[in-house]
Amino acid sequence: MGVFNQLLEKARLKGGGYLVLIDPDTRSAVELKKFVREICSCGIDAILVGGSLIIGAGFHETLEIVKAESNVPVIIFPGSVAQVSHRADAVLYISLISGRNPNALFGEHVIAAPAIRKLGIEPISTGYMLFESGRTTTAEFMSNTRPLPINKPEIAMAHALAAQYMGMSTVYLEAGSGAERSIPDQIVKAVSGYIDIPVIVGGGIRSPQEARAKVEAGATFIVTGNVYDDDSNIKLAQEFVRAVHVKEHF
């Protein structure tokens, strides 16, 4: 069974899956080792590694550390074709379907595909949908695309259905790193109720209560990242796990 199918089975049994996103620029090697061990001990389901813009040269080194210290699947969340490595278990094969930048829709995928095949890592075809979130995010700026409006659920629904019809495995509803607000629950509910493939929701989720609301609205997976930039918030990891694994914790 592949990585994505394993995660789907976990989400089915637990009521939802919880993934933590790690930006390679945010921690030293020592801090990263400690962080990975701590979040894995809390019962997270997978780790995403990557970012829209990586300033340092530590992407591959970060992956190596995360893979060595974790006991869960490690998945690349690529911001460019440079973010592909054999050190991961899988890669989100992202097409930015909310925008009209041809390179983000299909162009870089042609370059990345042979490398992914050669490295033997599992591609997870992902329709990436970027939403407006109260500020210009790195993902919006670097992709040179307009985000989807949060007050027009029918636009989000149509994009997600197109992703399903194009054969994508999942859609990722993204508010963006450091977003002021997360994806509205009504958008999550509208999209998840309209399509038959899993929905991932990330960006701007700062509390376990928000995460639980997204799962109850229909999200299959919840992703958080920036909330852990404050080291004192590591204590929230277990609470996020409990909030997302709704069938295990009532």
Protein backbone atom coordinates (compact mmCIF):
# COMPACT_ATOMS: atom_id res chain seq x y z
CA MET A 1 0.00 0.00 0.00
CA GLY A 2 1.37 3.41 -0.97
CA VAL A 3 1.95 6.33 1.38
CA PHE A 4 -1.18 8.23 0.38
CA ASN A 5 -3.43 5.18 0.71
CA GLN A 6 -1.95 4.50 4.14
CA LEU A 7 -2.77 8.05 5.19
CA LEU A 8 -6.29 7.75 3.81
CA GLU A 9 -6.83 4.58 5.82
CA LYS A 10 -5.56 6.28 8.97
CA ALA A 11 -7.84 9.24 8.37
CA ARG A 12 -10.79 6.90 7.84
CA LEU A 13 -10.15 5.07 11.09
CA LYS A 14 -9.37 8.18 13.13
CA GLY A 15 -11.85 10.58 11.58
CA GLY A 16 -9.13 12.82 10.12
CA GLY A 17 -5.41 13.06 9.54
CA TYR A 18 -3.02 15.61 11.04
CA LEU A 19 0.09 16.70 9.15
CA VAL A 20 2.80 19.12 10.29
CA LEU A 21 4.61 21.30 7.74
CA ILE A 22 8.30 22.05 8.33
CA ASP A 23 10.00 24.98 6.62
CA PRO A 24 13.72 24.17 6.12
CA ASP A 25 14.67 27.76 6.96
CA THR A 26 13.20 27.92 10.45
CA ARG A 27 15.33 25.65 12.70
CA SER A 28 18.90 24.63 13.33
CA ALA A 29 19.80 20.94 13.06
CA VAL A 30 19.70 20.48 16.84
CA GLU A 31 16.36 22.27 17.15
CA LEU A 32 14.93 20.31 14.23
CA LYS A 33 15.84 16.92 15.69
CA LYS A 34 14.16 17.81 18.97
CA PHE A 35 11.09 19.22 17.24
CA VAL A 36 10.58 16.16 15.02
CA ARG A 37 10.88 13.76 17.95
CA GLU A 38 8.39 15.80 19.98
CA ILE A 39 5.69 16.06 17.30
CA CYS A 40 6.04 12.38 16.39
CA SER A 41 5.60 11.38 20.01
CA CYS A 42 2.27 13.23 20.01
CA GLY A 43 0.79 10.98 17.32
CA ILE A 44 0.87 13.08 14.15
CA ASP A 45 0.20 11.21 10.91
CA ALA A 46 2.84 12.62 8.54
CA ILE A 47 5.35 15.43 8.06
CA LEU A 48 5.48 17.79 5.08
CA VAL A 49 8.77 19.48 4.20
CA GLY A 50 9.16 22.43 1.85
CA GLY A 51 8.11 25.98 1.12
CA SER A 52 7.35 28.53 -1.57
CA LEU A 53 10.69 30.24 -0.99
CA ILE A 54 13.72 28.68 0.71
CA ILE A 55 16.56 31.12 1.41
CA GLY A 56 19.03 28.70 2.97
CA ALA A 57 20.69 25.72 1.34
CA GLY A 58 19.36 23.18 3.81
CA PHE A 59 16.43 21.54 2.03
CA HIS A 60 18.10 18.15 1.51
CA GLU A 61 19.80 18.28 4.91
CA THR A 62 16.44 19.04 6.54
CA LEU A 63 14.85 16.08 4.80
CA GLU A 64 17.67 13.81 5.94
CA ILE A 65 17.23 14.86 9.58
CA VAL A 66 13.44 14.64 9.48
CA LYS A 67 13.53 11.18 7.92
CA ALA A 68 16.07 9.92 10.46
CA GLU A 69 14.19 11.26 13.48
CA SER A 70 10.59 10.54 12.49
CA ASN A 71 8.42 7.45 12.63
CA VAL A 72 5.81 8.73 10.17
CA PRO A 73 5.82 9.30 6.40
CA VAL A 74 7.85 12.28 5.18
CA ILE A 75 6.31 14.06 2.21
CA ILE A 76 7.80 16.87 0.14
CA PHE A 77 5.62 19.97 -0.20
CA PRO A 78 7.53 21.50 -3.12
CA GLY A 79 7.79 25.16 -3.99
CA SER A 80 9.91 24.42 -7.06
CA VAL A 81 11.49 21.57 -9.03
CA ALA A 82 14.60 21.99 -6.88
CA GLN A 83 12.66 20.51 -3.97
CA VAL A 84 12.79 16.86 -5.04
CA SER A 85 14.83 14.30 -3.12
CA HIS A 86 15.16 10.55 -2.61
CA ARG A 87 15.18 11.18 1.14
CA ALA A 88 11.40 11.55 1.21
CA ASP A 89 8.70 8.88 1.03
CA ALA A 90 6.44 10.85 -1.28
CA VAL A 91 5.93 14.23 -2.92
CA LEU A 92 2.80 16.31 -3.38
CA TYR A 93 2.70 16.61 -7.17
CA ILE A 94 1.08 20.03 -7.06
CA SER A 95 -0.75 21.81 -9.83
CA LEU A 96 -1.81 25.32 -8.82
CA ILE A 97 -5.28 25.04 -10.31
CA SER A 98 -6.60 28.22 -8.69
CA GLY A 99 -4.29 30.35 -10.84
CA ARG A 100 -3.68 30.72 -14.53
CA ASN A 101 0.11 30.66 -14.51
CA PRO A 102 0.90 27.88 -17.03
CA ASN A 103 4.22 27.07 -15.39
CA ALA A 104 2.51 26.41 -12.05
CA LEU A 105 -0.30 24.52 -13.73
CA PHE A 106 1.84 22.14 -15.75
CA GLY A 107 5.23 23.52 -16.79
CA GLU A 108 7.47 22.56 -13.87
CA HIS A 109 5.74 19.19 -13.64
CA VAL A 110 7.30 18.12 -16.95
CA ILE A 111 10.74 18.90 -15.57
CA ALA A 112 10.10 17.18 -12.23
CA ALA A 113 8.41 14.01 -13.51
CA PRO A 114 11.50 12.15 -14.77
CA ALA A 115 13.39 12.97 -11.56
CA ILE A 116 10.53 11.70 -9.39
CA ARG A 117 10.38 8.47 -11.41
CA LYS A 118 14.16 7.99 -11.21
CA LEU A 119 14.26 8.61 -7.45
CA GLY A 120 11.41 6.19 -6.84
CA ILE A 121 9.34 8.44 -4.58
CA GLU A 122 5.56 8.34 -4.66
CA PRO A 123 3.84 11.25 -6.43
CA ILE A 124 0.54 12.38 -4.91
CA SER A 125 -1.37 14.30 -7.58
CA THR A 126 -2.68 17.42 -5.84
CA GLY A 127 -4.94 20.22 -7.06
CA TYR A 128 -3.60 23.21 -5.13
CA MET A 129 -6.13 25.98 -4.48
CA LEU A 130 -4.85 29.21 -2.99
CA PHE A 131 -7.40 31.46 -1.26
CA GLU A 132 -7.29 35.09 -0.20
CA SER A 133 -6.44 35.31 3.48
CA GLY A 134 -6.14 38.93 4.52
CA ARG A 135 -2.58 39.51 3.36
CA THR A 136 -0.26 38.72 0.46
CA THR A 137 1.33 35.35 1.26
CA THR A 138 4.61 33.98 -0.04
CA ALA A 139 2.75 31.35 -2.08
CA GLU A 140 0.67 34.02 -3.82
CA PHE A 141 3.64 36.25 -4.57
CA MET A 142 6.00 33.53 -5.76
CA SER A 143 3.39 31.81 -7.94
CA ASN A 144 2.31 35.10 -9.54
CA THR A 145 -1.36 34.11 -9.30
CA ARG A 146 -4.49 35.62 -7.85
CA PRO A 147 -6.02 33.73 -4.92
CA LEU A 148 -9.61 32.53 -4.99
CA PRO A 149 -12.21 34.68 -3.18
CA ILE A 150 -13.42 33.35 0.15
CA ASN A 151 -16.96 34.66 -0.36
CA LYS A 152 -17.62 32.71 -3.56
CA PRO A 153 -17.89 29.01 -2.65
CA GLU A 154 -19.22 28.13 -6.10
CA ILE A 155 -15.89 29.17 -7.67
CA ALA A 156 -13.99 26.92 -5.26
CA MET A 157 -16.40 24.06 -5.90
CA ALA A 158 -15.95 24.29 -9.67
CA HIS A 159 -12.14 24.32 -9.40
CA ALA A 160 -12.14 21.32 -7.06
CA LEU A 161 -14.48 19.34 -9.30
CA ALA A 162 -12.25 20.09 -12.28
CA ALA A 163 -9.31 18.66 -10.32
CA GLN A 164 -11.31 15.49 -9.63
CA TYR A 165 -12.33 15.13 -13.27
CA MET A 166 -8.71 15.58 -14.33
CA GLY A 167 -7.83 12.55 -12.20
CA MET A 168 -6.10 14.26 -9.28
CA SER A 169 -5.91 12.33 -6.03
CA THR A 170 -6.72 15.21 -3.68
CA VAL A 171 -7.30 18.94 -3.47
CA TYR A 172 -5.42 21.22 -1.08
CA LEU A 173 -7.27 24.30 0.15
CA GLU A 174 -4.53 26.72 1.14
CA ALA A 175 -4.74 30.08 2.88
CA GLY A 176 -0.96 30.47 2.65
CA SER A 177 1.91 30.48 5.11
CA GLY A 178 1.39 33.13 7.78
CA ALA A 179 -2.18 33.83 6.66
CA GLU A 180 -4.25 36.14 8.83
CA ARG A 181 -7.22 33.80 8.64
CA SER A 182 -7.80 30.18 7.73
CA ILE A 183 -10.07 28.81 5.01
CA PRO A 184 -13.69 29.48 6.11
CA ASP A 185 -15.52 26.39 7.30
CA GLN A 186 -18.31 27.06 4.80
CA ILE A 187 -15.81 26.82 1.93
CA VAL A 188 -14.48 23.52 3.30
CA LYS A 189 -18.00 22.19 3.67
CA ALA A 190 -19.05 23.31 0.18
CA VAL A 191 -16.01 21.80 -1.53
CA SER A 192 -15.89 18.53 0.41
CA GLY A 193 -19.61 17.99 -0.15
CA TYR A 194 -19.28 18.56 -3.89
CA ILE A 195 -16.38 16.26 -4.77
CA ASP A 196 -15.46 12.64 -4.12
CA ILE A 197 -11.73 13.01 -3.48
CA PRO A 198 -10.07 13.91 -0.15
CA VAL A 199 -9.68 17.52 0.92
CA ILE A 200 -6.55 18.86 2.62
CA VAL A 201 -6.84 22.18 4.46
CA GLY A 202 -3.92 24.33 5.62
CA GLY A 203 -2.81 27.88 6.31
CA GLY A 204 -3.77 30.15 9.18
CA ILE A 205 -5.00 27.38 11.50
CA ARG A 206 -3.81 28.44 14.94
CA SER A 207 -5.93 26.47 17.38
CA PRO A 208 -7.11 22.87 17.84
CA GLN A 209 -10.67 24.22 17.86
CA GLU A 210 -10.19 25.60 14.34
CA ALA A 211 -8.73 22.29 13.22
CA ARG A 212 -11.68 20.33 14.64
CA ALA A 213 -14.14 22.66 12.88
CA LYS A 214 -12.43 22.01 9.55
CA VAL A 215 -12.67 18.25 10.03
CA GLU A 216 -16.32 18.52 11.01
CA ALA A 217 -16.86 20.58 7.85
CA GLY A 218 -15.47 17.72 5.76
CA ALA A 219 -11.68 18.07 5.62
CA THR A 220 -9.81 14.77 5.42
CA PHE A 221 -6.42 16.19 6.45
CA ILE A 222 -5.39 19.25 8.44
CA VAL A 223 -1.97 20.89 8.01
CA THR A 224 -0.35 23.34 10.42
CA GLY A 225 3.12 24.85 10.31
CA ASN A 226 3.64 28.45 11.41
CA VAL A 227 1.87 27.87 14.70
CA TYR A 228 5.03 26.08 15.87
CA ASP A 229 7.35 28.96 15.03
CA ASP A 230 6.76 29.88 18.67
CA ASP A 231 8.55 27.10 20.55
CA SER A 232 6.12 27.35 23.44
CA ASN A 233 3.33 26.13 21.14
CA ILE A 234 4.83 22.65 20.87
CA LYS A 235 2.49 21.76 23.71
CA LEU A 236 -0.38 22.25 21.25
CA ALA A 237 0.70 19.31 19.09
CA GLN A 238 -1.06 16.73 21.19
CA GLU A 239 -4.16 18.92 21.35
CA PHE A 240 -4.17 19.23 17.56
CA VAL A 241 -3.90 15.45 17.26
CA ARG A 242 -6.83 14.98 19.63
CA ALA A 243 -8.87 17.60 17.78
CA VAL A 244 -8.31 16.09 14.33
CA HIS A 245 -8.60 12.42 15.31
CA VAL A 246 -12.28 12.90 16.06
CA LYS A 247 -13.13 9.19 16.17
CA GLU A 248 -10.48 8.53 18.82
CA HIS A 249 -11.25 11.48 21.10
CA PHE A 250 -14.75 12.63 21.90
